Protein backbone atom coordinates (compact mmCIF):
# COMPACT_ATOMS: atom_id res chain seq x y z
CA UNK A 1 -36.64 -135.80 158.59
CA UNK A 2 -38.08 -139.07 157.36
CA UNK A 3 -35.45 -141.44 158.81
CA UNK A 4 -36.33 -144.09 156.20
CA UNK A 5 -35.41 -141.67 153.42
CA UNK A 6 -32.14 -140.70 155.13
CA UNK A 7 -31.34 -144.34 155.77
CA UNK A 8 -32.08 -145.15 152.13
CA UNK A 9 -29.42 -142.65 150.98
CA UNK A 10 -26.81 -144.19 153.29
CA UNK A 11 -27.85 -147.69 152.26
CA UNK A 12 -27.68 -146.78 148.58
CA UNK A 13 -24.23 -145.17 148.93
CA UNK A 14 -22.92 -148.18 150.84
CA UNK A 15 -24.36 -150.53 148.20
CA UNK A 16 -22.74 -148.45 145.45
CA UNK A 17 -19.35 -148.66 147.19
CA UNK A 18 -19.74 -152.36 147.98
CA UNK A 19 -16.82 -153.87 149.90
CA UNK A 20 -14.95 -150.56 149.60
CA UNK A 21 -17.44 -148.77 151.89
CA UNK A 22 -15.11 -149.26 154.88
CA UNK A 23 -12.50 -147.11 153.12
CA UNK A 24 -14.68 -144.00 153.34
CA UNK A 25 -15.88 -141.68 156.12
CA UNK A 26 -19.63 -142.27 155.98
CA UNK A 27 -21.48 -140.13 156.66
CA UNK A 28 -18.86 -137.46 156.01
CA UNK A 29 -18.19 -135.32 159.11
CA UNK A 30 -18.86 -132.12 157.13
CA UNK A 31 -22.30 -133.47 156.12
CA UNK A 32 -23.17 -133.89 159.79
CA UNK A 33 -21.73 -130.46 160.69
CA UNK A 34 -23.93 -128.63 158.19
CA UNK A 35 -27.06 -130.46 159.51
CA UNK A 36 -28.37 -131.73 156.18
CA UNK A 37 -31.68 -133.60 156.08
CA UNK A 38 -32.76 -135.76 153.16
CA UNK A 39 -36.07 -134.75 151.60
CA UNK A 40 -36.11 -136.98 148.51
CA UNK A 41 -33.72 -139.24 146.63
CA UNK A 42 -34.03 -140.84 143.20
CA UNK A 43 -30.72 -142.49 142.38
CA UNK A 44 -32.04 -143.91 139.11
CA UNK A 45 -32.94 -140.42 137.85
CA UNK A 46 -29.86 -138.84 139.45
CA UNK A 47 -31.77 -136.42 141.70
CA UNK A 48 -31.31 -135.57 145.39
CA UNK A 49 -33.18 -133.00 147.52
CA UNK A 50 -31.76 -131.92 150.89
CA UNK A 51 -33.01 -129.47 153.53
CA UNK A 52 -30.57 -127.26 155.43
CA UNK A 53 -31.80 -125.45 158.56
CA UNK A 54 -31.13 -121.74 158.80
CA UNK A 55 -28.77 -121.58 161.76
CA UNK A 56 -27.44 -118.36 163.28
CA UNK A 57 -23.86 -119.55 162.70
CA UNK A 58 -24.52 -119.52 158.93
CA UNK A 59 -25.32 -115.78 158.87
CA UNK A 60 -23.14 -112.91 157.72
CA UNK A 61 -23.16 -109.40 159.29
CA UNK A 62 -26.26 -108.49 157.20
CA UNK A 63 -28.33 -111.28 158.74
CA UNK A 64 -28.39 -113.28 155.52
CA UNK A 65 -26.93 -116.70 154.82
CA UNK A 66 -23.22 -116.33 154.09
CA UNK A 67 -22.36 -117.13 150.46
CA UNK A 68 -19.84 -119.78 151.46
CA UNK A 69 -22.51 -121.59 153.48
CA UNK A 70 -24.80 -121.55 150.45
CA UNK A 71 -21.93 -123.05 148.43
CA UNK A 72 -21.35 -125.63 151.18
CA UNK A 73 -25.04 -126.61 151.11
CA UNK A 74 -24.82 -127.09 147.35
CA UNK A 75 -21.57 -129.06 147.61
CA UNK A 76 -23.05 -131.24 150.37
CA UNK A 77 -25.99 -132.09 148.12
CA UNK A 78 -24.02 -132.76 144.95
CA UNK A 79 -21.43 -134.82 146.88
CA UNK A 80 -23.76 -137.56 148.16
CA UNK A 81 -25.54 -137.63 144.80
CA UNK A 82 -22.20 -138.10 143.04
CA UNK A 83 -21.52 -141.13 145.26
CA UNK A 84 -24.90 -142.61 144.31
CA UNK A 85 -24.48 -142.27 140.56
CA UNK A 86 -20.77 -142.88 139.87
CA UNK A 87 -17.56 -144.44 141.17
CA UNK A 88 -15.55 -142.26 143.61
CA UNK A 89 -15.12 -138.78 142.13
CA UNK A 90 -14.00 -135.28 143.04
CA UNK A 91 -15.13 -131.76 142.21
CA UNK A 92 -13.08 -130.23 139.40
CA UNK A 93 -15.03 -126.97 139.28
CA UNK A 94 -18.18 -125.45 140.72
CA UNK A 95 -19.73 -122.23 139.47
CA UNK A 96 -22.44 -120.49 141.50
CA UNK A 97 -24.87 -117.74 140.65
CA UNK A 98 -26.61 -115.95 143.51
CA UNK A 99 -29.94 -114.31 142.63
CA UNK A 100 -30.82 -112.61 145.91
CA UNK A 101 -29.76 -112.63 149.56
CA UNK A 102 -31.01 -115.63 151.56
CA UNK A 103 -32.78 -114.12 154.60
CA UNK A 104 -31.79 -115.43 158.01
CA UNK A 105 -35.49 -115.38 158.90
CA UNK A 106 -36.15 -118.46 156.72
CA UNK A 107 -36.60 -121.71 158.61
CA UNK A 108 -34.50 -123.57 156.04
CA UNK A 109 -33.38 -123.75 152.43
CA UNK A 110 -33.86 -126.64 150.03
CA UNK A 111 -31.19 -127.76 147.60
CA UNK A 112 -31.99 -129.94 144.60
CA UNK A 113 -29.05 -131.51 142.75
CA UNK A 114 -29.30 -133.35 139.42
CA UNK A 115 -26.84 -135.29 137.32
CA UNK A 116 -27.21 -133.69 133.88
CA UNK A 117 -24.31 -135.14 131.86
CA UNK A 118 -21.97 -138.11 131.98
CA UNK A 119 -19.01 -138.53 129.61
CA UNK A 120 -16.60 -141.34 130.56
CA UNK A 121 -14.86 -139.96 133.70
CA UNK A 122 -16.56 -136.54 133.55
CA UNK A 123 -19.83 -135.84 135.40
CA UNK A 124 -21.84 -132.62 135.27
CA UNK A 125 -24.29 -131.66 138.02
CA UNK A 126 -26.71 -128.76 138.32
CA UNK A 127 -28.20 -127.56 141.59
CA UNK A 128 -30.82 -125.09 142.71
CA UNK A 129 -31.21 -123.45 146.13
CA UNK A 130 -34.81 -122.63 147.01
CA UNK A 131 -36.67 -120.95 149.83
CA UNK A 132 -39.38 -122.97 151.62
CA UNK A 133 -41.99 -121.39 149.32
CA UNK A 134 -40.09 -122.31 146.14
CA UNK A 135 -38.31 -119.05 145.27
CA UNK A 136 -35.03 -119.82 143.49
CA UNK A 137 -32.21 -118.12 145.41
CA UNK A 138 -29.10 -119.51 143.71
CA UNK A 139 -27.99 -122.07 141.14
CA UNK A 140 -24.79 -123.95 140.53
CA UNK A 141 -23.08 -126.11 137.94
CA UNK A 142 -20.35 -128.52 139.02
CA UNK A 143 -18.01 -130.72 137.01
CA UNK A 144 -16.69 -133.85 138.75
CA UNK A 145 -14.03 -136.31 137.64
CA UNK A 146 -14.02 -140.01 138.51
CA UNK A 147 -10.73 -140.83 140.26
CA UNK A 148 -9.42 -144.39 140.56
CA UNK A 149 -8.31 -145.51 144.01
CA UNK A 150 -9.93 -142.62 145.88
CA UNK A 151 -10.58 -143.37 149.57
CA UNK A 152 -10.20 -141.75 152.98
CA UNK A 153 -6.69 -142.03 154.43
CA UNK A 154 -6.37 -144.41 157.43
CA UNK A 155 -5.64 -141.50 159.81
CA UNK A 156 -8.96 -139.83 158.89
CA UNK A 157 -11.06 -142.38 160.76
């Protein structure tokens, strides 16, 4: 991973949160657990690309990436993007469409998330999961709502 790109995402999120950054778990523990790596970020355009390694613990009995892990990769791409483009917000709904099994033999998958709509407190994101050679494996659409006063509880740190 290009550490300067990863650092730029953290720096941008912290700048977006301003003085409130200390109220949040950054980076989120789940983001570290799923081993995300930043490929590209364009906060102005509302686009974030992340790479997720194909780890054995992500596989189902068929040797393909478990659907919930694909959903987690999508959620862990949309989440940081949502923090870059809007005040604190939460997922209201996320709809996924799987096109084909994601083989465990892949070295990684790429997830691209984009902010596609913004209406007052409502944000809409679209995401695409791709193989290293660019095959689209799954897509998602998520609706987020901006929530006032959202922060990590003191016991979470």
